[in-house]
Structure formats: structure tokens, C-alpha cells
Amino acid sequence: MEYIVKVPKKYNSSKWNNMRVKVIQDDGTHAITENKKRKKLRFNKKWLIPMNQ
């Protein structure tokens, strides 16, 4: 399942916005994800929007 990242403006991390990621691991309120370049990133679950396939 792929998700799109939407980080709120107050965090000034807009470089991650609209990036496609896949969830690898789930740890409570956060999810450990992997992008196309196989980089592992940790995001709040609220920021992950499921892609419509």
C-alpha cells in the first residue's frame, strides 16, 4: 500500500510533501516508511494519505 506524505506547514518540512512512501513498520502513532530510493523515514500516521489505486 502506497501513501502520499502531507506535512503540516508549521513544521517547515515541505520538502517531504507529495512524496510516495510505503509503510514498513508501525509503532503506535508513527509509521516507519521507505521511499523510492530505499531511504527509511519516520512520519506521524496523520500525515500519510492513502493513494487511490
C-alpha atoms as a PDB file:
ATOM      1  CA  MET A   1       0.000   0.000   0.000  1.00  0.00           C
ATOM      2  CA  GLU A   2       1.420   3.350  -1.021  1.00  0.00           C
ATOM      3  CA  TYR A   3       0.826   6.633   0.764  1.00  0.00           C
ATOM      4  CA  ILE A   4       1.464  10.295  -0.003  1.00  0.00           C
ATOM      5  CA  VAL A   5       3.065  12.428   2.707  1.00  0.00           C
ATOM      6  CA  LYS A   6       1.451  15.745   3.704  1.00  0.00           C
ATOM      7  CA  VAL A   7       3.403  17.509   6.468  1.00  0.00           C
ATOM      8  CA  PRO A   8       1.628  20.468   8.151  1.00  0.00           C
ATOM      9  CA  LYS A   9       3.087  23.911   7.372  1.00  0.00           C
ATOM     10  CA  LYS A  10       4.053  24.647  10.974  1.00  0.00           C
ATOM     11  CA  TYR A  11       6.855  22.050  10.764  1.00  0.00           C
ATOM     12  CA  ASN A  12       8.591  23.720   7.778  1.00  0.00           C
ATOM     13  CA  SER A  13       9.320  20.323   6.211  1.00  0.00           C
ATOM     14  CA  SER A  14       7.541  20.868   2.918  1.00  0.00           C
ATOM     15  CA  LYS A  15      10.331  19.041   1.052  1.00  0.00           C
ATOM     16  CA  TRP A  16       8.678  15.762   2.100  1.00  0.00           C
ATOM     17  CA  ASN A  17       5.233  16.803   0.789  1.00  0.00           C
ATOM     18  CA  ASN A  18       3.721  14.744  -2.045  1.00  0.00           C
ATOM     19  CA  MET A  19       6.412  12.072  -1.695  1.00  0.00           C
ATOM     20  CA  ARG A  20       5.257   8.486  -2.250  1.00  0.00           C
ATOM     21  CA  VAL A  21       6.166   6.101   0.547  1.00  0.00           C
ATOM     22  CA  LYS A  22       5.475   2.511   1.595  1.00  0.00           C
ATOM     23  CA  VAL A  23       4.889   1.641   5.256  1.00  0.00           C
ATOM     24  CA  ILE A  24       7.407  -0.918   6.536  1.00  0.00           C
ATOM     25  CA  GLN A  25       6.731  -0.895  10.260  1.00  0.00           C
ATOM     26  CA  ASP A  26       4.091   0.505  12.578  1.00  0.00           C
ATOM     27  CA  ASP A  27       4.967   1.868  16.019  1.00  0.00           C
ATOM     28  CA  GLY A  28       1.886   3.383  17.619  1.00  0.00           C
ATOM     29  CA  THR A  29       1.336   6.971  16.480  1.00  0.00           C
ATOM     30  CA  HIS A  30       4.162   6.854  13.929  1.00  0.00           C
ATOM     31  CA  ALA A  31       4.978   4.684  10.933  1.00  0.00           C
ATOM     32  CA  ILE A  32       8.406   3.813   9.587  1.00  0.00           C
ATOM     33  CA  THR A  33       8.292   4.237   5.817  1.00  0.00           C
ATOM     34  CA  GLU A  34      10.536   3.748   2.806  1.00  0.00           C
ATOM     35  CA  ASN A  35      10.656   5.943  -0.287  1.00  0.00           C
ATOM     36  CA  LYS A  36      11.626   5.062  -3.865  1.00  0.00           C
ATOM     37  CA  LYS A  37      15.338   5.473  -3.099  1.00  0.00           C
ATOM     38  CA  ARG A  38      15.019   2.928  -0.241  1.00  0.00           C
ATOM     39  CA  LYS A  39      15.549   5.675   2.378  1.00  0.00           C
ATOM     40  CA  LYS A  40      13.842   4.946   5.695  1.00  0.00           C
ATOM     41  CA  LEU A  41      11.810   7.816   7.169  1.00  0.00           C
ATOM     42  CA  ARG A  42       9.556   8.079  10.209  1.00  0.00           C
ATOM     43  CA  PHE A  43       6.307  10.019   9.872  1.00  0.00           C
ATOM     44  CA  ASN A  44       3.259  10.662  12.016  1.00  0.00           C
ATOM     45  CA  LYS A  45       0.382   8.486  10.749  1.00  0.00           C
ATOM     46  CA  LYS A  46      -1.877  11.560  10.443  1.00  0.00           C
ATOM     47  CA  TRP A  47       0.415  12.858   7.679  1.00  0.00           C
ATOM     48  CA  LEU A  48       0.065   9.758   5.489  1.00  0.00           C
ATOM     49  CA  ILE A  49      -2.733   9.884   2.939  1.00  0.00           C
ATOM     50  CA  PRO A  50      -3.589   6.596   1.138  1.00  0.00           C
ATOM     51  CA  MET A  51      -3.214   6.677  -2.629  1.00  0.00           C
ATOM     52  CA  ASN A  52      -6.311   5.832  -4.678  1.00  0.00           C
ATOM     53  CA  GLN A  53      -5.477   2.972  -6.991  1.00  0.00           C
END
